Each structure stands twice: as structure tokens, then as C-alpha cells.
C-alpha atoms as a PDB file:
ATOM      1  CA  MET A   1     -10.127  25.299  -0.533  1.00  0.00           C
ATOM      2  CA  ASP A   2      -8.950  22.077  -2.188  1.00  0.00           C
ATOM      3  CA  ALA A   3      -5.354  21.006  -2.629  1.00  0.00           C
ATOM      4  CA  SER A   4      -5.295  22.035  -6.275  1.00  0.00           C
ATOM      5  CA  SER A   5      -5.950  25.682  -5.446  1.00  0.00           C
ATOM      6  CA  THR A   6      -2.950  26.201  -3.189  1.00  0.00           C
ATOM      7  CA  SER A   7      -0.260  28.660  -4.074  1.00  0.00           C
ATOM      8  CA  PRO A   8       1.693  27.496  -7.119  1.00  0.00           C
ATOM      9  CA  ASN A   9       4.880  28.263  -5.178  1.00  0.00           C
ATOM     10  CA  LEU A  10       4.105  25.718  -2.462  1.00  0.00           C
ATOM     11  CA  PRO A  11       4.654  21.990  -2.933  1.00  0.00           C
ATOM     12  CA  HIS A  12       1.515  19.883  -3.140  1.00  0.00           C
ATOM     13  CA  HIS A  13       0.826  17.475  -0.310  1.00  0.00           C
ATOM     14  CA  THR A  14       1.996  13.937  -1.027  1.00  0.00           C
ATOM     15  CA  SER A  15      -1.481  12.472  -0.560  1.00  0.00           C
ATOM     16  CA  TYR A  16      -2.919  14.842  -3.176  1.00  0.00           C
ATOM     17  CA  VAL A  17      -0.293  13.802  -5.705  1.00  0.00           C
ATOM     18  CA  GLU A  18      -0.779  10.117  -4.845  1.00  0.00           C
ATOM     19  CA  GLU A  19      -4.512  10.510  -5.428  1.00  0.00           C
ATOM     20  CA  ARG A  20      -3.905  12.109  -8.831  1.00  0.00           C
ATOM     21  CA  ILE A  21      -1.590   9.224  -9.773  1.00  0.00           C
ATOM     22  CA  SER A  22      -4.268   6.775  -8.672  1.00  0.00           C
ATOM     23  CA  GLN A  23      -6.827   8.620 -10.807  1.00  0.00           C
ATOM     24  CA  ALA A  24      -4.507   8.401 -13.809  1.00  0.00           C
ATOM     25  CA  GLY A  25      -4.204   4.659 -13.280  1.00  0.00           C
ATOM     26  CA  PHE A  26      -7.971   4.310 -13.084  1.00  0.00           C
ATOM     27  CA  LEU A  27      -8.373   6.218 -16.342  1.00  0.00           C
ATOM     28  CA  ALA A  28      -5.777   4.033 -18.059  1.00  0.00           C
ATOM     29  CA  ARG A  29      -7.409   0.811 -16.891  1.00  0.00           C
ATOM     30  CA  SER A  30     -10.784   2.167 -18.039  1.00  0.00           C
ATOM     31  CA  GLY A  31      -9.424   2.667 -21.536  1.00  0.00           C
ATOM     32  CA  ASP A  32      -9.029   6.444 -21.353  1.00  0.00           C
ATOM     33  CA  THR A  33      -5.333   6.507 -22.185  1.00  0.00           C
ATOM     34  CA  ARG A  34      -5.496  10.129 -23.352  1.00  0.00           C
ATOM     35  CA  GLY A  35      -7.011  11.238 -20.053  1.00  0.00           C
ATOM     36  CA  ALA A  36      -4.490   9.150 -18.117  1.00  0.00           C
ATOM     37  CA  SER A  37      -1.617  10.554 -20.147  1.00  0.00           C
ATOM     38  CA  ASP A  38      -2.812  14.121 -19.560  1.00  0.00           C
ATOM     39  CA  LEU A  39      -3.165  13.475 -15.838  1.00  0.00           C
ATOM     40  CA  TYR A  40       0.324  11.955 -15.532  1.00  0.00           C
ATOM     41  CA  GLU A  41       1.707  14.979 -17.377  1.00  0.00           C
ATOM     42  CA  ASP A  42      -0.191  17.318 -15.032  1.00  0.00           C
ATOM     43  CA  VAL A  43       1.197  15.524 -11.991  1.00  0.00           C
ATOM     44  CA  MET A  44       4.731  15.762 -13.354  1.00  0.00           C
ATOM     45  CA  ARG A  45       4.221  19.499 -13.843  1.00  0.00           C
ATOM     46  CA  LEU A  46       3.059  19.761 -10.212  1.00  0.00           C
ATOM     47  CA  LEU A  47       6.300  18.123  -9.134  1.00  0.00           C
ATOM     48  CA  ASP A  48       8.541  20.129 -11.448  1.00  0.00           C
ATOM     49  CA  GLY A  49      11.451  21.475  -9.460  1.00  0.00           C
ATOM     50  CA  THR A  50      10.757  19.361  -6.387  1.00  0.00           C
ATOM     51  CA  ASP A  51      13.024  16.693  -4.967  1.00  0.00           C
ATOM     52  CA  ASN A  52      10.478  14.051  -3.984  1.00  0.00           C
ATOM     53  CA  GLY A  53      11.982  10.919  -5.491  1.00  0.00           C
ATOM     54  CA  TYR A  54       9.226   8.765  -4.029  1.00  0.00           C
ATOM     55  CA  LEU A  55       6.516  10.542  -6.030  1.00  0.00           C
ATOM     56  CA  TYR A  56       8.548  10.587  -9.242  1.00  0.00           C
ATOM     57  CA  ASP A  57       9.150   6.860  -8.786  1.00  0.00           C
ATOM     58  CA  LEU A  58       5.463   6.213  -8.143  1.00  0.00           C
ATOM     59  CA  ILE A  59       4.600   7.980 -11.399  1.00  0.00           C
ATOM     60  CA  CYS A  60       7.293   5.943 -13.138  1.00  0.00           C
ATOM     61  CA  ARG A  61       6.076   2.608 -11.887  1.00  0.00           C
ATOM     62  CA  MET A  62       2.347   3.143 -12.257  1.00  0.00           C
ATOM     63  CA  GLY A  63       2.590   4.898 -15.610  1.00  0.00           C
ATOM     64  CA  SER A  64       4.794   2.121 -16.956  1.00  0.00           C
ATOM     65  CA  VAL A  65       2.391  -0.570 -15.797  1.00  0.00           C
ATOM     66  CA  ASP A  66      -0.453   1.470 -17.307  1.00  0.00           C
ATOM     67  CA  GLY A  67       1.250   1.380 -20.712  1.00  0.00           C
ATOM     68  CA  LEU A  68       2.235   5.046 -20.690  1.00  0.00           C
ATOM     69  CA  THR A  69       5.974   4.629 -20.350  1.00  0.00           C
ATOM     70  CA  ASP A  70       6.765   7.186 -23.042  1.00  0.00           C
ATOM     71  CA  VAL A  71       4.853   9.767 -21.002  1.00  0.00           C
ATOM     72  CA  VAL A  72       6.324   8.936 -17.595  1.00  0.00           C
ATOM     73  CA  LEU A  73       9.941   8.116 -18.523  1.00  0.00           C
ATOM     74  CA  PRO A  74      11.078  11.631 -17.489  1.00  0.00           C
ATOM     75  CA  ALA A  75       9.718  10.906 -13.988  1.00  0.00           C
ATOM     76  CA  CYS A  76      11.740   7.682 -13.920  1.00  0.00           C
ATOM     77  CA  GLU A  77      14.881   9.576 -14.862  1.00  0.00           C
ATOM     78  CA  ARG A  78      14.193  12.271 -12.270  1.00  0.00           C
ATOM     79  CA  ALA A  79      13.685   9.729  -9.469  1.00  0.00           C
ATOM     80  CA  VAL A  80      17.036   8.093 -10.243  1.00  0.00           C
ATOM     81  CA  GLU A  81      18.693  11.484 -10.650  1.00  0.00           C
ATOM     82  CA  LEU A  82      17.570  12.372  -7.131  1.00  0.00           C
ATOM     83  CA  GLU A  83      18.603   9.043  -5.577  1.00  0.00           C
ATOM     84  CA  HIS A  84      20.948   7.212  -7.928  1.00  0.00           C
ATOM     85  CA  ASP A  85      21.601   4.347  -5.522  1.00  0.00           C
ATOM     86  CA  ASN A  86      17.960   3.668  -4.652  1.00  0.00           C
ATOM     87  CA  GLU A  87      17.407   0.128  -5.898  1.00  0.00           C
ATOM     88  CA  LEU A  88      13.635   0.505  -6.149  1.00  0.00           C
ATOM     89  CA  TYR A  89      13.936   3.584  -8.337  1.00  0.00           C
ATOM     90  CA  ARG A  90      16.497   1.806 -10.520  1.00  0.00           C
ATOM     91  CA  ASP A  91      14.210  -1.238 -10.704  1.00  0.00           C
ATOM     92  CA  ASN A  92      11.259   0.827 -11.915  1.00  0.00           C
ATOM     93  CA  ARG A  93      13.397   2.775 -14.369  1.00  0.00           C
ATOM     94  CA  GLY A  94      14.660  -0.573 -15.663  1.00  0.00           C
ATOM     95  CA  LEU A  95      11.070  -1.565 -16.337  1.00  0.00           C
ATOM     96  CA  ALA A  96      10.401   1.705 -18.143  1.00  0.00           C
ATOM     97  CA  ARG A  97      13.573   1.388 -20.178  1.00  0.00           C
ATOM     98  CA  ALA A  98      12.666  -2.153 -21.222  1.00  0.00           C
ATOM     99  CA  LEU A  99       9.165  -1.103 -22.225  1.00  0.00           C
ATOM    100  CA  THR A 100      10.534   1.729 -24.370  1.00  0.00           C
ATOM    101  CA  GLY A 101      13.024  -0.570 -26.108  1.00  0.00           C
ATOM    102  CA  ASN A 102      16.137   0.559 -24.228  1.00  0.00           C
ATOM    103  CA  TYR A 103      17.169  -2.980 -23.373  1.00  0.00           C
ATOM    104  CA  ALA A 104      20.791  -2.082 -22.596  1.00  0.00           C
ATOM    105  CA  GLY A 105      19.660   0.568 -20.110  1.00  0.00           C
ATOM    106  CA  ALA A 106      17.192  -1.876 -18.565  1.00  0.00           C
ATOM    107  CA  VAL A 107      19.918  -4.504 -18.163  1.00  0.00           C
ATOM    108  CA  GLU A 108      22.124  -1.890 -16.486  1.00  0.00           C
ATOM    109  CA  ASP A 109      19.392  -1.003 -13.990  1.00  0.00           C
ATOM    110  CA  PHE A 110      18.323  -4.580 -13.265  1.00  0.00           C
ATOM    111  CA  THR A 111      21.961  -5.649 -12.819  1.00  0.00           C
ATOM    112  CA  PHE A 112      22.410  -2.865 -10.276  1.00  0.00           C
ATOM    113  CA  VAL A 113      19.299  -4.065  -8.443  1.00  0.00           C
ATOM    114  CA  VAL A 114      20.406  -7.710  -8.401  1.00  0.00           C
ATOM    115  CA  GLU A 115      23.841  -6.776  -7.049  1.00  0.00           C
ATOM    116  CA  PHE A 116      22.290  -4.500  -4.435  1.00  0.00           C
ATOM    117  CA  TRP A 117      19.900  -7.199  -3.213  1.00  0.00           C
ATOM    118  CA  ARG A 118      22.625  -9.867  -3.235  1.00  0.00           C
ATOM    119  CA  GLU A 119      24.687  -7.706  -0.897  1.00  0.00           C
ATOM    120  CA  LYS A 120      21.735  -7.515   1.501  1.00  0.00           C
ATOM    121  CA  ASP A 121      21.490 -11.340   1.479  1.00  0.00           C
ATOM    122  CA  LEU A 122      17.960 -11.372   2.845  1.00  0.00           C
ATOM    123  CA  PRO A 123      15.681 -14.331   2.076  1.00  0.00           C
ATOM    124  CA  GLN A 124      12.787 -12.139   0.876  1.00  0.00           C
ATOM    125  CA  TYR A 125      14.923 -10.863  -2.025  1.00  0.00           C
ATOM    126  CA  ARG A 126      15.695 -14.288  -3.498  1.00  0.00           C
ATOM    127  CA  SER A 127      12.614 -14.547  -5.693  1.00  0.00           C
ATOM    128  CA  PHE A 128      13.028 -10.923  -6.798  1.00  0.00           C
ATOM    129  CA  ILE A 129      16.634 -11.647  -7.775  1.00  0.00           C
ATOM    130  CA  LEU A 130      15.570 -14.689  -9.790  1.00  0.00           C
ATOM    131  CA  ASP A 131      12.914 -12.621 -11.585  1.00  0.00           C
ATOM    132  CA  ARG A 132      15.418  -9.906 -12.483  1.00  0.00           C
ATOM    133  CA  GLU A 133      17.983 -12.447 -13.658  1.00  0.00           C
ATOM    134  CA  THR A 134      15.338 -13.946 -15.955  1.00  0.00           C
ATOM    135  CA  TRP A 135      14.453 -10.482 -17.235  1.00  0.00           C
ATOM    136  CA  ILE A 136      18.130  -9.667 -17.827  1.00  0.00           C
ATOM    137  CA  ALA A 137      18.640 -12.869 -19.832  1.00  0.00           C
ATOM    138  CA  GLU A 138      15.579 -12.136 -21.965  1.00  0.00           C
ATOM    139  CA  LEU A 139      16.625  -8.536 -22.552  1.00  0.00           C
ATOM    140  CA  GLU A 140      20.171  -9.556 -23.466  1.00  0.00           C
ATOM    141  CA  ALA A 141      18.643 -11.961 -26.005  1.00  0.00           C
ATOM    142  CA  GLY A 142      16.708  -9.039 -27.492  1.00  0.00           C
ATOM    143  CA  ARG A 143      13.323 -10.041 -26.095  1.00  0.00           C
ATOM    144  CA  ASN A 144      10.937  -8.047 -23.936  1.00  0.00           C
ATOM    145  CA  PRO A 145      10.104 -10.174 -20.857  1.00  0.00           C
ATOM    146  CA  PHE A 146       7.132  -8.057 -19.824  1.00  0.00           C
ATOM    147  CA  ASP A 147       3.839  -9.600 -20.813  1.00  0.00           C
ATOM    148  CA  GLU A 148       0.490  -8.579 -19.343  1.00  0.00           C
ATOM    149  CA  GLU A 149       0.713 -11.111 -16.509  1.00  0.00           C
ATOM    150  CA  THR A 150       4.154  -9.871 -15.450  1.00  0.00           C
ATOM    151  CA  LEU A 151       3.009  -6.255 -15.568  1.00  0.00           C
ATOM    152  CA  ASN A 152      -0.046  -7.090 -13.474  1.00  0.00           C
ATOM    153  CA  GLY A 153       2.249  -8.685 -10.886  1.00  0.00           C
ATOM    154  CA  ILE A 154       4.356  -5.544 -10.801  1.00  0.00           C
ATOM    155  CA  GLU A 155       1.248  -3.406 -10.352  1.00  0.00           C
ATOM    156  CA  LEU A 156       0.236  -5.505  -7.353  1.00  0.00           C
ATOM    157  CA  GLY A 157       3.534  -4.838  -5.672  1.00  0.00           C
ATOM    158  CA  TYR A 158       5.854  -7.649  -6.644  1.00  0.00           C
END
């Protein structure tokens, strides 16, 4: 019995959902945006009613980088709804908001992230803070700061 044939009332194992997200990313990078979109939607249906912010955030981030932000934005919102003060979830939702043209919402999320990381005052956050401050300035000027190179950097784990 594979993971997809478990009882619909039981949550799917995290690794199964992660694998499906990975498959969606592969489809998107292979040019099959329709297949990727369908797979992201299927994964979101699998998670419907669950409280796994990590998986919703993973969908948000990967789907945004894959150019399917309109499809995965509900996952971004759900991740932040579950853990409003999680800076990583807010960071990824900020990306999704920027990519869908909600620059004010993106600025709000990135500002939260910058303030959160400043409070931590850890050296490894300094370059991340500078990136977000650059993004905020661009967004406030009405420009989208996310070109292909920036998105590829995000995909690799910024």
C-alpha cells in the first residue's frame, strides 16, 4: 500500500507530501506548468484542514520560485495564519505577495522579517537583512526586485 492510498481521514506523512512538492517543482522546471499547478493543488487538498505550517510554507516557497504563485498563495496565507510570528513563513509570503503584485503586503512581511532578525542580532542574518532592505526599497518604488537570478538564489536556500 502506498502513501496515497491511506485513509482520507488520516494525515499524510510529511515525507510523502515533501516528495509531491518536489515532483511539482520538477514538472515546473521541465516546462510542464499545468502538471505542476495541478500537483500543487492536489498537495494543498491533501493538507486541507491540517495545521502543518512547515508544509504549507514549503508549498508557498517552492511554488513561488516555480512561477506558480497564483496557485500557491493560499498555502502562503495558511502557513502565516498558523504561525503569524514565524519569520520564515512571513518571508516566503512576502515573496509570493511581491510576485502577485501585492507590493504593500510584501513590504509589510519583509519589514517584519528584518525587524525580527535585527532583534536576534546574529551575524548570519546580516546579509539576509541587507537583501530584504533592498527588496523593500525596490517594492516601495513600485518595482519588482525578483529577477530569475534572485529567484534561483531563493530556491537554493538563501
